[in-house]
Protein backbone atom coordinates (compact mmCIF):
# COMPACT_ATOMS: atom_id res chain seq x y z
CA MET A 1 99.39 102.32 155.57
CA ALA A 2 96.10 100.80 154.92
CA VAL A 3 95.10 101.07 158.67
CA ILE A 4 96.20 104.80 158.63
CA SER A 5 94.44 105.49 155.78
CA ASN A 6 91.12 103.57 157.04
CA GLY A 7 91.37 104.33 160.54
CA SER A 8 90.06 100.69 161.55
CA VAL A 9 91.12 97.12 161.09
CA THR A 10 88.15 96.35 159.61
CA ALA A 11 88.24 98.70 156.65
CA ALA A 12 92.14 98.16 156.13
CA ALA A 13 91.39 94.23 155.86
CA ALA A 14 88.54 95.21 153.11
CA ASP A 15 91.14 97.67 151.15
CA LEU A 16 93.68 94.93 151.30
CA GLY A 17 91.33 92.29 150.36
CA ILE A 18 91.97 89.92 153.26
CA SER A 19 90.32 88.72 156.33
CA GLN A 20 90.05 91.09 159.53
CA PRO A 21 91.39 88.42 161.54
CA ALA A 22 94.38 88.19 159.01
CA ALA A 23 94.91 91.73 159.21
CA SER A 24 94.84 91.83 162.99
CA ARG A 25 97.51 89.44 163.25
CA LEU A 26 99.54 91.03 160.84
CA LEU A 27 99.11 94.03 162.96
CA SER A 28 99.90 92.70 165.94
CA ASP A 29 103.33 90.55 164.61
CA LEU A 30 104.32 94.14 163.64
CA THR A 31 103.99 95.89 166.80
CA LYS A 32 105.79 92.93 168.32
CA GLY A 33 108.48 93.25 166.02
CA LEU A 34 108.92 96.83 166.17
CA ASN A 35 108.67 96.89 170.12
CA PHE A 36 106.30 99.92 170.43
CA GLN A 37 102.81 101.12 169.99
CA LEU A 38 101.77 101.78 166.63
CA PHE A 39 98.04 103.43 166.92
CA ASP A 40 95.98 104.98 169.74
CA LYS A 41 92.28 104.35 169.81
CA ARG A 42 90.14 107.57 169.87
CA ASP A 43 86.48 107.99 169.02
CA GLY A 44 86.41 104.66 167.56
CA ARG A 45 89.23 105.36 165.57
CA LEU A 46 92.69 104.01 165.17
CA VAL A 47 95.00 106.99 165.00
CA PRO A 48 99.09 106.57 164.50
CA THR A 49 100.93 107.25 167.53
CA GLN A 50 104.06 109.90 167.17
CA GLU A 51 106.47 106.80 166.72
CA THR A 52 104.48 105.80 163.41
CA ARG A 53 104.46 109.19 162.30
CA ILE A 54 108.07 109.03 162.46
CA LEU A 55 108.30 106.19 160.31
CA GLN A 56 105.58 106.73 157.99
CA PRO A 57 107.55 108.69 155.45
CA ASP A 58 109.96 105.70 155.26
CA ILE A 59 107.08 103.36 155.19
CA GLU A 60 105.45 105.21 152.12
CA ARG A 61 109.15 104.93 150.20
CA VAL A 62 109.26 101.10 151.02
CA LEU A 63 105.82 100.61 149.64
CA GLU A 64 106.50 102.73 146.75
CA LEU A 65 109.83 100.58 145.73
CA MET A 66 107.82 97.67 146.09
CA GLY A 67 105.21 98.67 143.90
CA GLN A 68 108.00 99.75 141.44
CA ILE A 69 109.38 96.20 141.57
CA SER A 70 105.92 94.53 141.14
CA ASP A 71 105.55 96.59 138.08
CA ILE A 72 109.12 95.77 136.96
CA SER A 73 108.62 91.88 137.35
CA LYS A 74 105.31 92.04 135.36
CA ASP A 75 107.15 93.76 132.58
CA ILE A 76 109.73 91.16 132.78
CA THR A 77 107.24 88.39 132.53
CA ASN A 78 105.47 89.88 129.75
CA ARG A 79 109.12 90.80 127.84
CA GLN A 80 108.42 94.61 127.99
CA VAL A 81 112.01 95.16 129.76
CA GLY A 82 115.61 93.92 129.31
CA HIS A 83 118.53 94.33 127.44
CA ILE A 84 119.26 92.07 124.29
CA ARG A 85 123.15 91.94 123.41
CA MET A 86 123.44 90.14 119.98
CA ALA A 87 126.52 89.35 117.37
CA CYS A 88 125.83 89.30 113.87
CA LEU A 89 127.38 89.14 110.28
CA PRO A 90 128.08 92.62 109.20
CA GLY A 91 125.74 92.24 106.00
CA PHE A 92 123.06 90.92 107.85
CA ALA A 93 123.47 94.49 110.23
CA THR A 94 121.85 96.19 107.19
CA SER A 95 119.95 94.13 105.39
CA HIS A 96 117.07 92.12 106.91
CA LEU A 97 117.71 92.80 110.63
CA PRO A 98 116.98 96.58 111.13
CA ARG A 99 113.38 95.73 110.08
CA VAL A 100 112.77 92.76 112.45
CA VAL A 101 114.23 94.67 115.24
CA ALA A 102 112.27 97.85 114.47
CA ASP A 103 109.28 95.57 114.46
CA PHE A 104 110.08 94.08 117.73
CA LEU A 105 110.95 96.97 119.77
CA LYS A 106 107.75 98.98 118.67
CA GLU A 107 105.55 97.19 121.57
CA ARG A 108 108.60 96.99 123.84
CA PRO A 109 109.57 100.49 124.47
CA GLY A 110 111.56 99.13 127.71
CA VAL A 111 113.73 96.74 125.91
CA ARG A 112 117.38 97.87 124.84
CA MET A 113 119.41 96.19 122.31
CA THR A 114 123.11 96.09 121.54
CA ILE A 115 123.97 94.89 117.92
CA GLU A 116 127.48 93.81 117.38
CA PRO A 117 128.58 93.22 113.44
CA ASP A 118 131.68 91.02 112.91
CA ARG A 119 132.97 87.73 111.20
CA PRO A 120 131.92 84.64 111.98
CA GLU A 121 135.24 83.58 113.59
CA ARG A 122 134.75 86.47 116.00
CA ILE A 123 131.41 85.70 116.66
CA LEU A 124 132.16 82.22 117.88
CA GLU A 125 134.72 83.79 120.36
CA TRP A 126 132.31 86.00 121.99
CA MET A 127 129.67 82.96 122.09
CA ILE A 128 132.30 80.95 123.99
CA GLY A 129 133.38 83.99 126.27
CA GLU A 130 129.63 84.45 126.96
CA GLN A 131 129.84 88.11 125.76
CA TYR A 132 126.78 88.06 123.90
CA ASP A 133 123.25 86.63 124.37
CA PHE A 134 123.27 85.23 120.87
CA GLY A 135 124.93 85.50 117.46
CA ILE A 136 123.59 85.28 113.71
CA THR A 137 126.18 83.59 111.87
CA ASP A 138 126.45 81.08 108.65
CA ASP A 139 127.16 77.38 108.57
CA PHE A 140 128.40 77.13 112.05
CA VAL A 141 129.88 73.78 112.53
CA GLY A 142 129.93 73.15 116.07
CA HIS A 143 131.35 73.63 119.50
CA PRO A 144 131.15 72.30 122.95
CA ALA A 145 130.22 75.32 124.71
CA VAL A 146 127.93 76.95 121.95
CA GLU A 147 124.43 75.63 121.04
CA SER A 148 123.18 76.28 117.26
CA SER A 149 120.18 75.97 115.33
CA ASP A 150 120.34 76.26 111.42
CA LEU A 151 117.81 77.82 109.04
CA ASP A 152 118.39 76.97 105.19
CA ILE A 153 117.38 80.05 103.17
CA ARG A 154 116.60 80.07 99.55
CA THR A 155 119.03 81.56 97.32
CA VAL A 156 118.30 83.18 94.00
CA CYS A 157 120.64 84.59 90.93
CA VAL A 158 120.74 88.20 90.97
CA PHE A 159 121.74 90.42 87.60
CA PRO A 160 121.05 93.99 86.44
CA SER A 161 117.33 94.93 85.52
CA GLY A 162 116.88 94.47 81.89
CA ASP A 163 119.20 91.76 81.69
CA PRO A 164 117.99 88.90 78.94
CA LEU A 165 118.02 86.57 82.10
CA GLU A 166 114.92 88.19 83.08
CA SER A 167 113.00 85.95 80.47
CA LEU A 168 114.02 82.81 82.37
CA ASP A 169 111.91 81.16 84.94
CA SER A 170 115.00 79.86 86.54
CA ILE A 171 118.53 80.06 86.33
CA THR A 172 121.00 77.27 85.87
CA PRO A 173 124.70 77.13 86.34
CA ARG A 174 125.05 76.77 82.40
CA ASP A 175 122.86 79.94 81.77
CA LEU A 176 125.87 81.58 83.50
CA SER A 177 128.81 80.11 81.96
CA GLU A 178 129.64 83.22 79.64
CA ARG A 179 129.16 85.65 82.38
CA ARG A 180 131.17 87.69 85.01
CA PHE A 181 130.66 86.18 88.24
CA ILE A 182 130.98 87.96 91.68
CA GLN A 183 131.43 84.84 93.95
CA PRO A 184 131.04 84.62 97.83
CA HIS A 185 134.44 84.60 99.70
CA ARG A 186 136.23 81.27 99.01
CA ASP A 187 136.74 80.34 102.50
CA SER A 188 133.18 80.13 103.21
CA ALA A 189 130.80 76.82 103.40
CA PHE A 190 128.42 78.38 100.73
CA HIS A 191 131.37 79.12 98.27
CA ARG A 192 132.22 75.19 98.35
CA ARG A 193 128.71 74.35 97.77
CA LEU A 194 128.17 76.78 94.79
CA SER A 195 131.65 75.32 93.70
CA ARG A 196 130.43 71.83 93.65
CA VAL A 197 126.94 72.98 91.86
CA PHE A 198 128.81 74.37 89.09
CA SER A 199 131.31 71.39 88.95
CA ASP A 200 128.29 68.72 88.73
CA ALA A 201 127.10 70.87 85.79
CA GLN A 202 130.40 70.74 84.26
CA VAL A 203 130.41 74.54 83.73
CA SER A 204 133.36 76.78 84.87
CA TRP A 205 132.63 80.19 86.30
CA GLN A 206 134.43 83.28 85.19
CA THR A 207 135.51 84.91 88.76
CA HIS A 208 135.41 88.33 88.38
CA ILE A 209 134.95 89.69 92.09
CA GLU A 210 134.95 87.94 95.25
CA VAL A 211 133.18 89.28 98.32
CA ARG A 212 132.16 88.09 101.62
CA GLN A 213 128.75 89.72 101.96
CA PHE A 214 125.82 89.16 100.09
CA THR A 215 124.63 92.86 100.25
CA ALA A 216 127.94 94.03 98.82
CA ALA A 217 127.60 91.50 95.98
CA CYS A 218 123.98 93.12 95.35
CA GLU A 219 125.57 96.47 95.29
CA LEU A 220 127.91 95.26 92.73
CA VAL A 221 125.33 93.76 90.58
CA CYS A 222 123.38 96.89 90.81
CA HIS A 223 126.31 98.92 89.38
CA GLY A 224 126.70 96.14 86.61
CA ALA A 225 129.67 94.56 87.93
CA GLY A 226 128.53 91.03 87.29
CA VAL A 227 125.84 88.29 88.25
CA ALA A 228 125.71 86.65 91.85
CA ILE A 229 123.94 83.93 93.75
CA VAL A 230 122.64 85.40 97.04
CA SER A 231 119.98 84.85 99.84
CA GLU A 232 116.84 85.75 98.63
CA PHE A 233 115.86 88.43 101.19
CA ASP A 234 118.95 90.27 100.21
CA ALA A 235 118.05 90.14 96.62
CA ARG A 236 114.50 91.37 97.34
CA LYS A 237 115.82 94.52 99.31
CA TYR A 238 117.48 95.69 95.99
CA GLU A 239 114.74 95.05 93.50
CA THR A 240 113.92 98.88 93.23
CA LEU A 241 117.78 99.85 93.21
CA GLY A 242 118.43 98.12 89.53
CA LEU A 243 118.54 94.52 90.25
CA SER A 244 116.30 91.67 89.23
CA TYR A 245 116.44 88.17 90.17
CA ARG A 246 115.16 84.64 89.43
CA LYS A 247 115.33 81.18 91.13
CA PHE A 248 118.20 79.42 90.92
CA ALA A 249 118.40 75.60 90.01
CA PRO A 250 119.40 73.25 91.48
CA ALA A 251 117.96 74.79 94.92
CA LEU A 252 121.20 75.88 97.08
CA PRO A 253 120.67 76.74 100.60
CA HIS A 254 122.37 79.31 102.46
CA THR A 255 122.56 78.27 106.10
CA LEU A 256 122.04 80.53 108.78
CA SER A 257 122.97 79.35 112.40
CA LEU A 258 121.46 81.07 115.55
CA VAL A 259 124.11 80.63 118.08
CA ARG A 260 124.05 81.22 121.84
CA PRO A 261 126.51 80.08 124.74
CA ILE A 262 125.24 76.77 126.50
CA LEU A 263 126.04 77.68 130.07
CA LYS A 264 124.59 81.31 129.71
CA LYS A 265 120.73 80.97 130.41
CA PRO A 266 119.09 83.76 128.01
CA SER A 267 116.60 86.06 129.45
CA LEU A 268 112.80 85.57 128.39
CA VAL A 269 112.91 88.65 126.28
CA THR A 270 115.98 87.47 124.42
CA LEU A 271 114.08 83.92 123.67
CA GLU A 272 111.18 85.88 122.46
CA PHE A 273 113.26 87.56 120.07
CA MET A 274 115.36 84.87 118.65
CA GLU A 275 111.58 83.22 117.81
CA HIS A 276 110.49 86.36 116.35
CA PHE A 277 113.60 86.52 114.17
CA ARG A 278 113.24 82.87 113.11
CA GLU A 279 109.64 83.79 112.20
CA SER A 280 110.86 86.85 110.10
CA LEU A 281 112.66 84.30 107.84
CA SER A 282 109.81 81.73 107.38
CA PRO A 283 109.05 83.08 103.96
CA TYR A 284 112.48 82.38 102.97
CA LEU A 285 113.13 79.32 104.22
CA LEU A 286 114.24 76.44 101.24
CA ASN A 287 111.34 74.01 101.89
CA THR A 288 108.42 76.57 102.18
């Protein structure tokens, strides 16, 4: 096409950024490969033959497609296109994650996401079956087909705004001994850790309601149903909705696990989102 547009090999070579001999060799090789003459010479210019004119529309389509492929490959390299499939805990899908996803996609209009909330057991099944690129779960205990990394999130005590607990700088199990307690689901690792903290302090909690999700606990606290220990980022979301919180002592982590199939190599954009997600949690990490 460069020779057709310019009428000479020398001008075509300059247009393509290659040497004139290199352009001549390419033209000669193409002529031999097609087994017919591509150009006639008229008045010092190269003019396409009838056979070349027949091919010209197809050549233009191929060049356009190659240009599109080049543009897409650049977008892939720059993490501007792709499809991220993630599984996550149900509460997470409505608390911290939406803001993180919206922020990530703002500069990546070509990236699509599928978000599937479910229980930890189901997320593990999906990772083993390589049905999703990665998952966000809690207290992952390990599996030979799944790679994981943990993030220890600070937890706080949440209570209705205006409660006398607001006068304290931090809240201990003894401060909650007479309170109706909204506890985490008893089959969770977080429940076991929290139970040990109360046991070590020789304080019994008054189990009032049991929930699986921190967001559900926060909703219940906002409506005056009791107090709870939840992750700090969940508590912050409810600060303007009738909930207050204070640091819980002793420090107690809620462990989030990022999991992905070992044998399914993640795309560049998936890896970048996972890193973006980790960074979004840095203000809430236990040791920061």
